[in-house]
Amino acid sequence: MAIFFDTATTLDGYLADDEDSLAWLFAVPGGDSPSPELAPGPAAVMVEGSHTYEWVLRDQDLLAHPERWAAFHGDTPVFVFTTRELPAPAGADVRFVRGSVEDALPAIRAAAGDGDIWLVGGGDLVGQFDDAGALDELRLSYAPATLGSGAPLLPRRLGAERLSLESVARVGAFARLVYRVSR
């Protein structure tokens, strides 16, 4: 089982703009329909922060069209860390989590079984997984765009002594880097 963060990011290290939008990504050639080489691979569980979750709900109008949920999430259980009451699309396996990553890890790992856990975002939540000693890989697709501000890729310090470059590839307009994270 691996716990990995797989995301697209700008050259200046932002996941979303100041309005928590990913519209910048869809303006990049291939950003709206990523190449299979950029796909994260199968994950038994997905984990999202509330901002990521709410953006997907709005962008895809999932509350009005819950059938669209399967296009991205399939029947994969999705754990959403939040401090607020949030709606869920009809039929979606969404599990809202309040509290620390450390406290939630047993349930997330149990739901994943022997499968991988994909940390979809955001960066602060991924940092909390690292703080809990539960981050194995960073799989980053750098896009030819800059935002200047917004939601940072990973608002934590990870020194070079903890990151081992596993692979580099050019995929269309994207540079794909995979790093192993050591404890």
Protein backbone atom coordinates (compact mmCIF):
# COMPACT_ATOMS: atom_id res chain seq x y z
CA MET A 1 0.00 0.00 0.00
CA ALA A 2 1.28 3.45 -0.92
CA ILE A 3 -0.08 6.82 0.10
CA PHE A 4 0.65 9.26 -2.70
CA PHE A 5 -0.10 12.84 -3.70
CA ASP A 6 -0.74 13.06 -7.44
CA THR A 7 -1.54 16.48 -8.82
CA ALA A 8 -0.93 19.07 -11.49
CA THR A 9 0.86 22.22 -10.44
CA THR A 10 2.03 25.45 -11.98
CA LEU A 11 5.70 26.21 -12.53
CA ASP A 12 5.59 28.54 -9.54
CA GLY A 13 4.09 25.85 -7.32
CA TYR A 14 0.37 26.56 -7.06
CA LEU A 15 -2.49 24.06 -7.26
CA ALA A 16 -5.33 26.55 -7.59
CA ASP A 17 -5.76 30.27 -8.00
CA ASP A 18 -6.87 32.71 -5.30
CA GLU A 19 -10.52 31.65 -5.82
CA ASP A 20 -9.62 27.94 -5.39
CA SER A 21 -10.25 27.41 -9.11
CA LEU A 22 -8.45 24.97 -11.39
CA ALA A 23 -9.54 26.83 -14.53
CA TRP A 24 -5.87 27.64 -15.24
CA LEU A 25 -5.21 23.91 -15.71
CA PHE A 26 -7.91 23.49 -18.34
CA ALA A 27 -6.32 26.27 -20.40
CA VAL A 28 -3.12 24.19 -20.73
CA PRO A 29 -3.04 21.92 -23.82
CA GLY A 30 -4.06 18.48 -22.52
CA GLY A 31 -5.13 19.88 -19.15
CA ASP A 32 -8.81 19.16 -19.72
CA SER A 33 -8.23 15.57 -20.89
CA PRO A 34 -4.95 14.34 -19.42
CA SER A 35 -2.83 11.76 -21.18
CA PRO A 36 -2.95 8.26 -19.66
CA GLU A 37 0.71 8.74 -18.64
CA LEU A 38 -0.48 11.43 -16.22
CA ALA A 39 -3.21 9.28 -14.67
CA PRO A 40 -2.49 8.36 -11.06
CA GLY A 41 -3.29 4.69 -11.55
CA PRO A 42 -5.82 2.75 -9.56
CA ALA A 43 -6.40 3.81 -5.98
CA ALA A 44 -8.56 1.96 -3.47
CA VAL A 45 -9.35 5.20 -1.62
CA MET A 46 -9.23 8.91 -2.45
CA VAL A 47 -8.74 11.66 0.13
CA GLU A 48 -9.65 15.30 -0.42
CA GLY A 49 -9.78 18.50 1.56
CA SER A 50 -13.03 20.44 1.69
CA HIS A 51 -11.90 23.14 -0.78
CA THR A 52 -10.99 20.54 -3.41
CA TYR A 53 -14.23 18.65 -2.80
CA GLU A 54 -16.39 21.77 -3.00
CA TRP A 55 -14.65 22.96 -6.17
CA VAL A 56 -15.35 19.61 -7.87
CA LEU A 57 -18.98 19.73 -6.74
CA ARG A 58 -19.40 23.23 -8.20
CA ASP A 59 -17.37 22.77 -11.36
CA GLN A 60 -19.16 19.58 -12.37
CA ASP A 61 -22.55 20.57 -10.87
CA LEU A 62 -22.54 17.21 -9.10
CA LEU A 63 -25.41 17.87 -6.72
CA ALA A 64 -27.75 18.47 -9.67
CA HIS A 65 -26.07 15.74 -11.76
CA PRO A 66 -24.84 13.03 -9.37
CA GLU A 67 -24.33 10.63 -12.28
CA ARG A 68 -21.24 12.69 -13.18
CA TRP A 69 -19.55 11.66 -9.91
CA ALA A 70 -18.55 8.30 -11.38
CA ALA A 71 -16.63 9.96 -14.24
CA PHE A 72 -13.89 11.00 -11.82
CA HIS A 73 -14.41 9.02 -8.63
CA GLY A 74 -16.01 5.81 -9.89
CA ASP A 75 -17.17 3.75 -6.95
CA THR A 76 -14.01 4.54 -4.98
CA PRO A 77 -14.63 5.64 -1.39
CA VAL A 78 -13.73 9.32 -0.92
CA PHE A 79 -12.74 10.65 2.49
CA VAL A 80 -13.26 14.42 2.79
CA PHE A 81 -11.62 16.30 5.65
CA THR A 82 -13.85 19.15 6.76
CA THR A 83 -14.96 21.15 9.77
CA ARG A 84 -18.32 21.96 8.19
CA GLU A 85 -21.47 20.15 7.13
CA LEU A 86 -21.18 19.47 3.39
CA PRO A 87 -23.59 17.87 0.92
CA ALA A 88 -22.84 14.66 -0.97
CA PRO A 89 -24.04 13.69 -4.44
CA ALA A 90 -26.72 10.99 -4.39
CA GLY A 91 -25.17 7.53 -4.51
CA ALA A 92 -21.60 8.73 -3.92
CA ASP A 93 -19.47 6.96 -1.32
CA VAL A 94 -18.33 10.10 0.51
CA ARG A 95 -17.10 9.82 4.07
CA PHE A 96 -16.72 13.12 5.90
CA VAL A 97 -13.89 13.28 8.42
CA ARG A 98 -13.51 15.70 11.29
CA GLY A 99 -10.33 15.75 13.28
CA SER A 100 -6.73 14.87 12.67
CA VAL A 101 -5.20 12.81 9.90
CA GLU A 102 -3.58 10.62 12.54
CA ASP A 103 -6.99 9.81 14.07
CA ALA A 104 -8.54 9.11 10.64
CA LEU A 105 -5.71 6.96 9.26
CA PRO A 106 -6.93 3.62 10.64
CA ALA A 107 -10.34 4.00 8.93
CA ILE A 108 -8.74 5.21 5.67
CA ARG A 109 -6.26 2.32 5.64
CA ALA A 110 -9.02 -0.17 6.48
CA ALA A 111 -11.11 1.09 3.55
CA ALA A 112 -8.09 0.79 1.24
CA GLY A 113 -7.21 -2.76 2.29
CA ASP A 114 -4.06 -3.62 0.33
CA GLY A 115 -4.73 -0.87 -2.23
CA ASP A 116 -3.17 2.55 -2.65
CA ILE A 117 -4.47 5.80 -1.19
CA TRP A 118 -4.54 8.84 -3.48
CA LEU A 119 -4.31 12.21 -1.76
CA VAL A 120 -6.12 14.36 -4.31
CA GLY A 121 -5.52 17.66 -2.50
CA GLY A 122 -5.05 20.20 -1.21
CA GLY A 123 -1.51 20.84 -0.26
CA ASP A 124 -2.16 21.58 3.41
CA LEU A 125 -3.96 18.25 3.84
CA VAL A 126 -1.04 16.46 2.16
CA GLY A 127 1.27 18.24 4.59
CA GLN A 128 -0.81 16.89 7.46
CA PHE A 129 -0.37 13.35 6.08
CA ASP A 130 3.38 13.95 5.98
CA ASP A 131 3.28 15.30 9.55
CA ALA A 132 1.62 12.00 10.53
CA GLY A 133 4.38 9.99 8.78
CA ALA A 134 1.93 8.82 6.11
CA LEU A 135 3.19 10.20 2.79
CA ASP A 136 5.12 7.87 0.49
CA GLU A 137 5.25 9.61 -2.90
CA LEU A 138 4.77 12.93 -4.66
CA ARG A 139 3.64 12.51 -8.28
CA LEU A 140 3.71 15.97 -9.81
CA SER A 141 2.72 17.14 -13.28
CA TYR A 142 4.20 20.59 -13.87
CA ALA A 143 2.17 22.68 -16.30
CA PRO A 144 3.49 25.57 -18.41
CA ALA A 145 1.65 28.23 -16.42
CA THR A 146 2.26 30.53 -13.46
CA LEU A 147 -0.27 32.10 -11.12
CA GLY A 148 1.79 34.31 -8.83
CA SER A 149 -0.42 33.41 -5.88
CA GLY A 150 -3.04 30.92 -4.84
CA ALA A 151 -3.14 27.56 -3.07
CA PRO A 152 0.46 26.33 -2.67
CA LEU A 153 1.53 22.89 -3.81
CA LEU A 154 2.76 21.84 -0.37
CA PRO A 155 2.94 24.44 2.39
CA ARG A 156 5.43 22.38 4.39
CA ARG A 157 9.17 22.05 4.32
CA LEU A 158 10.43 18.79 2.82
CA GLY A 159 14.21 18.86 2.58
CA ALA A 160 16.29 17.21 -0.12
CA GLU A 161 17.36 14.56 2.41
CA ARG A 162 13.76 13.27 2.42
CA LEU A 163 13.05 13.36 -1.32
CA SER A 164 14.43 10.89 -3.83
CA LEU A 165 13.73 11.53 -7.52
CA GLU A 166 12.31 8.32 -8.98
CA SER A 167 11.39 9.42 -12.51
CA VAL A 168 11.13 12.33 -14.91
CA ALA A 169 9.10 12.32 -18.13
CA ARG A 170 7.77 14.76 -20.69
CA VAL A 171 4.07 14.18 -21.33
CA GLY A 172 2.71 16.65 -23.85
CA ALA A 173 2.99 20.11 -22.33
CA PHE A 174 3.66 18.67 -18.85
CA ALA A 175 6.84 17.67 -17.02
CA ARG A 176 6.05 14.64 -14.82
CA LEU A 177 8.25 14.16 -11.73
CA VAL A 178 7.86 11.39 -9.18
CA TYR A 179 9.59 11.62 -5.81
CA ARG A 180 9.81 9.00 -3.07
CA VAL A 181 9.33 10.57 0.39
CA SER A 182 11.35 9.10 3.24
CA ARG A 183 10.52 9.49 6.89
